[in-house]
Amino acid sequence: MAHATSLRATSPWLADKAALVTGAASGIGRATAFALAREGAAVLVADRDGAGAEAVAAEIAARGGTARAQRCDVTRPGEVEAMVRAALDAFGGRLDCAVNNAGITAPGALLHDIALDAWERQLAVSLTGVFLCLRAELPVMRAQGGGAIVNTASGAARIGTPGLAHYCAAKHGVLGLTRTAALENAALGVRVNALCPGSTDTPMLRGFMERSEAARKMILASIPAGRLGSAEEIAEAALWLCSDRASYVNGAALGVDGGALAR
């Protein structure tokens, strides 16, 4: 951590805001936690990997930001509720921004070959986990008169993908939750949007691509930009949606995919 650059921005977008990010020990979640902290937010770094969350929070603090870590399995309602309470206790009783990012990949299979436990695990983490986070976050933001929530969906939330029926179903569901929550809470000043990242260079995607050469070639061939996105590029979009610069953006599904779905 020596020689790390400072996180402090000259005109921070999220000065004095309190935020939380799930799935923040690596990949898009980690990059988002750093981006929010760079722009002045105090960030609760939440992940099922408690040690990983602690490491990210420590690095944010070492670079001049404010962060706390919280172990949280988003499939467990009690742990999700404890996560939100921890953010409120740590950051002065407010929660201004939440990025519900935790998710998993799964081995590809044709729909009729998907095992029930693989189906249920995917939905538990990637869909029910978002529901449980929203259910805990929204009452806080409604009561305080505003806030911004970003749910990480996927390009697979907008199209079908052979071999990934369980993943597509979960991510399509995230868009339904996002749009409904946006409509239910807009009049109270709470915005809820979704990010739809394309293929992004994260440990999770790299692992998936390494398991299948055919999948690697298919993914790279599908991106007009000719490269994977970076976690930091996705994080910048999450940061914007959390900020007041996106104050009239609500119920949106923002694609950040190098043009993959523009075909």
Protein backbone atom coordinates (compact mmCIF):
# COMPACT_ATOMS: atom_id res chain seq x y z
CA MET A 1 0.00 0.00 0.00
CA ALA A 2 3.04 2.27 0.07
CA HIS A 3 3.15 4.96 -2.59
CA ALA A 4 -0.61 4.61 -3.24
CA THR A 5 -2.19 7.66 -4.78
CA SER A 6 -4.68 9.71 -2.79
CA LEU A 7 -8.40 9.10 -3.24
CA ARG A 8 -9.43 12.67 -2.53
CA ALA A 9 -11.06 14.54 -5.43
CA THR A 10 -10.82 18.32 -5.70
CA SER A 11 -14.59 18.79 -6.13
CA PRO A 12 -16.11 15.58 -4.81
CA TRP A 13 -19.48 14.49 -6.17
CA LEU A 14 -20.50 12.68 -2.98
CA ALA A 15 -19.08 14.86 -0.23
CA ASP A 16 -20.49 13.92 3.20
CA LYS A 17 -22.60 11.09 1.74
CA ALA A 18 -22.87 7.61 3.27
CA ALA A 19 -22.81 4.61 0.96
CA LEU A 20 -22.67 0.85 0.93
CA VAL A 21 -21.55 -1.59 -1.75
CA THR A 22 -22.20 -5.33 -1.73
CA GLY A 23 -19.89 -7.79 -3.42
CA ALA A 24 -17.19 -5.20 -2.79
CA ALA A 25 -14.19 -7.43 -2.07
CA SER A 26 -13.30 -7.76 -5.76
CA GLY A 27 -14.20 -6.87 -9.32
CA ILE A 28 -16.86 -4.27 -10.05
CA GLY A 29 -17.83 -3.94 -6.39
CA ARG A 30 -14.28 -3.20 -5.30
CA ALA A 31 -13.80 -0.63 -8.05
CA THR A 32 -17.13 0.98 -7.12
CA ALA A 33 -16.20 1.25 -3.45
CA PHE A 34 -12.99 3.05 -4.44
CA ALA A 35 -14.83 5.37 -6.84
CA LEU A 36 -17.42 6.36 -4.24
CA ALA A 37 -14.72 6.97 -1.63
CA ARG A 38 -12.68 9.02 -4.08
CA GLU A 39 -15.66 11.31 -4.53
CA GLY A 40 -16.11 11.90 -0.81
CA ALA A 41 -18.50 9.18 0.36
CA ALA A 42 -17.97 7.15 3.50
CA VAL A 43 -18.34 3.57 2.26
CA LEU A 44 -19.41 0.36 3.93
CA VAL A 45 -17.55 -2.38 2.06
CA ALA A 46 -19.72 -5.50 2.28
CA ASP A 47 -18.94 -8.98 1.03
CA ARG A 48 -19.41 -12.62 1.96
CA ASP A 49 -15.59 -12.68 1.96
CA GLY A 50 -15.08 -10.82 5.21
CA ALA A 51 -11.29 -10.77 4.96
CA GLY A 52 -11.51 -9.40 1.43
CA ALA A 53 -13.90 -6.67 2.58
CA GLU A 54 -11.51 -5.74 5.40
CA ALA A 55 -8.62 -5.49 2.94
CA VAL A 56 -10.53 -3.17 0.61
CA ALA A 57 -11.68 -0.95 3.48
CA ALA A 58 -8.13 -0.76 4.80
CA GLU A 59 -6.78 0.22 1.39
CA ILE A 60 -9.42 2.92 1.01
CA ALA A 61 -8.49 4.32 4.43
CA ALA A 62 -4.77 4.16 3.60
CA ARG A 63 -5.45 6.27 0.51
CA GLY A 64 -7.30 8.98 2.42
CA GLY A 65 -10.89 7.74 2.20
CA THR A 66 -13.38 6.65 4.82
CA ALA A 67 -14.52 3.03 4.87
CA ARG A 68 -15.74 0.25 7.13
CA ALA A 69 -16.00 -3.44 6.37
CA GLN A 70 -18.92 -5.77 6.99
CA ARG A 71 -19.20 -9.45 6.25
CA CYS A 72 -22.57 -10.05 4.57
CA ASP A 73 -24.11 -12.99 2.74
CA VAL A 74 -26.89 -11.30 0.76
CA THR A 75 -28.96 -14.50 0.74
CA ARG A 76 -29.43 -14.22 4.53
CA PRO A 77 -32.03 -11.62 5.58
CA GLY A 78 -30.55 -11.12 9.04
CA GLU A 79 -27.10 -10.39 7.64
CA VAL A 80 -28.50 -7.92 5.12
CA GLU A 81 -30.40 -6.07 7.84
CA ALA A 82 -27.26 -6.06 10.01
CA MET A 83 -25.29 -4.61 7.09
CA VAL A 84 -27.65 -1.65 6.74
CA ARG A 85 -27.62 -1.08 10.51
CA ALA A 86 -23.82 -1.15 10.46
CA ALA A 87 -23.76 1.56 7.78
CA LEU A 88 -26.18 3.71 9.76
CA ASP A 89 -24.20 3.24 12.99
CA ALA A 90 -20.87 3.98 11.32
CA PHE A 91 -21.90 6.99 9.25
CA GLY A 92 -24.19 9.15 11.34
CA GLY A 93 -27.55 7.47 10.83
CA ARG A 94 -27.81 8.07 7.06
CA LEU A 95 -27.62 5.93 3.96
CA ASP A 96 -27.47 8.09 0.85
CA CYS A 97 -26.25 5.60 -1.75
CA ALA A 98 -26.35 1.84 -2.11
CA VAL A 99 -24.88 -0.31 -4.87
CA ASN A 100 -26.36 -3.81 -4.75
CA ASN A 101 -23.69 -5.57 -6.70
CA ALA A 102 -23.22 -9.05 -5.23
CA GLY A 103 -23.75 -11.83 -7.76
CA ILE A 104 -22.34 -15.09 -9.04
CA THR A 105 -21.74 -16.85 -12.33
CA ALA A 106 -22.59 -20.48 -12.94
CA PRO A 107 -21.42 -23.24 -15.28
CA GLY A 108 -23.22 -22.99 -18.58
CA ALA A 109 -25.83 -25.62 -19.49
CA LEU A 110 -28.85 -25.91 -21.71
CA LEU A 111 -32.01 -25.12 -19.80
CA HIS A 112 -33.18 -28.73 -19.63
CA ASP A 113 -29.81 -29.76 -18.16
CA ILE A 114 -29.62 -27.14 -15.40
CA ALA A 115 -29.66 -28.79 -11.98
CA LEU A 116 -32.28 -27.47 -9.58
CA ASP A 117 -29.67 -26.57 -6.96
CA ALA A 118 -27.72 -24.52 -9.54
CA TRP A 119 -30.94 -22.70 -10.51
CA GLU A 120 -31.85 -22.00 -6.90
CA ARG A 121 -28.35 -20.82 -5.98
CA GLN A 122 -28.22 -18.39 -8.89
CA LEU A 123 -31.59 -16.86 -8.04
CA ALA A 124 -30.80 -16.76 -4.31
CA VAL A 125 -27.69 -14.64 -4.79
CA SER A 126 -28.36 -12.62 -7.92
CA LEU A 127 -32.09 -11.92 -7.52
CA THR A 128 -33.30 -12.60 -3.98
CA GLY A 129 -30.12 -10.97 -2.68
CA VAL A 130 -31.02 -7.75 -4.51
CA PHE A 131 -34.58 -7.98 -3.19
CA LEU A 132 -33.37 -8.37 0.40
CA CYS A 133 -30.99 -5.42 0.03
CA LEU A 134 -33.74 -3.21 -1.42
CA ARG A 135 -36.12 -4.26 1.34
CA ALA A 136 -33.62 -3.16 3.99
CA GLU A 137 -32.39 0.02 2.26
CA LEU A 138 -35.60 1.57 1.00
CA PRO A 139 -37.26 2.27 4.39
CA VAL A 140 -34.15 4.18 5.49
CA MET A 141 -34.04 6.32 2.36
CA ARG A 142 -37.79 6.91 2.34
CA ALA A 143 -37.67 8.10 5.95
CA GLN A 144 -34.75 10.47 5.38
CA GLY A 145 -36.31 11.95 2.26
CA GLY A 146 -34.06 10.67 -0.49
CA GLY A 147 -31.29 8.46 -1.72
CA ALA A 148 -29.94 6.62 -4.73
CA ILE A 149 -29.75 2.88 -5.29
CA VAL A 150 -27.95 1.10 -8.11
CA ASN A 151 -28.58 -2.59 -8.78
CA THR A 152 -26.01 -4.45 -10.86
CA ALA A 153 -27.85 -6.37 -13.56
CA SER A 154 -26.12 -7.42 -16.79
CA GLY A 155 -26.35 -7.28 -20.53
CA ALA A 156 -27.97 -10.68 -20.00
CA ALA A 157 -30.85 -8.84 -18.33
CA ARG A 158 -31.90 -7.57 -21.75
CA ILE A 159 -31.35 -10.53 -24.07
CA GLY A 160 -31.48 -14.30 -23.97
CA THR A 161 -28.18 -16.18 -23.85
CA PRO A 162 -28.10 -19.87 -24.72
CA GLY A 163 -26.60 -21.90 -21.91
CA LEU A 164 -27.26 -19.27 -19.24
CA ALA A 165 -31.01 -19.52 -18.59
CA HIS A 166 -30.59 -19.31 -14.81
CA TYR A 167 -28.31 -16.27 -15.01
CA CYS A 168 -30.53 -14.52 -17.57
CA ALA A 169 -33.66 -15.19 -15.50
CA ALA A 170 -32.05 -13.74 -12.38
CA LYS A 171 -30.79 -10.63 -14.15
CA HIS A 172 -34.08 -10.04 -15.98
CA GLY A 173 -35.66 -10.17 -12.53
CA VAL A 174 -33.27 -7.50 -11.26
CA LEU A 175 -34.62 -5.13 -13.91
CA GLY A 176 -38.18 -5.85 -12.79
CA LEU A 177 -37.29 -5.12 -9.18
CA THR A 178 -35.46 -1.95 -10.21
CA ARG A 179 -38.30 -0.51 -12.25
CA THR A 180 -40.94 -1.32 -9.66
CA ALA A 181 -38.88 0.14 -6.82
CA ALA A 182 -38.23 3.27 -8.90
CA LEU A 183 -41.95 3.82 -9.44
CA GLU A 184 -42.89 3.12 -5.84
CA ASN A 185 -40.33 5.52 -4.37
CA ALA A 186 -39.85 8.34 -6.88
CA ALA A 187 -42.24 10.73 -5.12
CA LEU A 188 -40.21 10.36 -1.93
CA GLY A 189 -36.94 11.37 -3.58
CA VAL A 190 -35.46 7.87 -3.84
CA ARG A 191 -34.01 6.91 -7.23
CA VAL A 192 -33.45 3.27 -8.19
CA ASN A 193 -31.53 2.38 -11.34
CA ALA A 194 -29.79 -0.64 -12.81
CA LEU A 195 -26.41 -1.06 -14.43
CA CYS A 196 -26.14 -3.54 -17.29
CA PRO A 197 -22.42 -4.21 -17.66
CA GLY A 198 -21.15 -6.05 -20.66
CA SER A 199 -18.25 -8.49 -20.49
CA THR A 200 -15.94 -7.02 -17.85
CA ASP A 201 -12.42 -8.02 -16.88
CA THR A 202 -13.06 -9.32 -13.37
CA PRO A 203 -11.86 -12.43 -11.52
CA MET A 204 -15.34 -13.91 -11.91
CA LEU A 205 -15.44 -13.53 -15.71
CA ARG A 206 -11.82 -14.58 -16.14
CA GLY A 207 -12.58 -17.80 -14.28
CA PHE A 208 -15.57 -18.44 -16.52
CA MET A 209 -13.56 -17.81 -19.69
CA GLU A 210 -10.70 -20.00 -18.52
CA ARG A 211 -13.06 -22.95 -18.11
CA SER A 212 -14.16 -22.81 -21.75
CA GLU A 213 -12.15 -21.75 -24.79
CA ALA A 214 -15.35 -21.67 -26.83
CA ALA A 215 -16.93 -19.28 -24.33
CA ARG A 216 -13.84 -17.07 -24.37
CA LYS A 217 -13.94 -16.76 -28.15
CA MET A 218 -17.69 -16.14 -28.19
CA ILE A 219 -17.44 -13.40 -25.57
CA LEU A 220 -14.60 -11.55 -27.28
CA ALA A 221 -16.27 -11.82 -30.68
CA SER A 222 -19.47 -10.26 -29.31
CA ILE A 223 -17.87 -6.94 -28.27
CA PRO A 224 -17.70 -4.24 -30.96
CA ALA A 225 -15.09 -2.40 -28.90
CA GLY A 226 -12.83 -5.42 -29.34
CA ARG A 227 -11.91 -5.72 -25.67
CA LEU A 228 -13.31 -6.46 -22.26
CA GLY A 229 -14.45 -3.54 -20.16
CA SER A 230 -12.61 -2.72 -16.96
CA ALA A 231 -14.17 -2.80 -13.52
CA GLU A 232 -13.26 0.86 -13.18
CA GLU A 233 -15.27 1.78 -16.28
CA ILE A 234 -18.36 0.13 -14.81
CA ALA A 235 -17.72 1.79 -11.46
CA GLU A 236 -17.71 5.24 -13.04
CA ALA A 237 -21.24 4.62 -14.32
CA ALA A 238 -22.37 3.47 -10.86
CA LEU A 239 -20.80 6.59 -9.36
CA TRP A 240 -22.68 8.84 -11.76
CA LEU A 241 -26.01 7.15 -11.02
CA CYS A 242 -25.39 7.60 -7.28
CA SER A 243 -24.59 11.29 -7.67
CA ASP A 244 -26.86 14.30 -7.99
CA ARG A 245 -25.58 14.66 -11.56
CA ALA A 246 -28.06 11.89 -12.38
CA SER A 247 -30.86 13.53 -10.39
CA TYR A 248 -33.52 12.99 -13.08
CA VAL A 249 -32.50 9.43 -13.91
CA ASN A 250 -34.83 6.87 -12.34
CA GLY A 251 -35.87 3.37 -13.32
CA ALA A 252 -33.19 3.21 -16.02
CA ALA A 253 -31.17 0.22 -17.19
CA LEU A 254 -27.84 1.76 -18.21
CA GLY A 255 -25.81 -0.36 -20.58
CA VAL A 256 -22.04 -0.16 -20.18
CA ASP A 257 -20.96 -2.76 -22.68
CA GLY A 258 -18.74 -1.35 -25.42
CA GLY A 259 -21.69 -1.39 -27.82
CA ALA A 260 -22.46 -5.10 -27.47
CA LEU A 261 -26.23 -4.63 -27.44
CA ALA A 262 -26.30 -1.94 -30.12
CA ARG A 263 -26.32 -4.54 -32.90
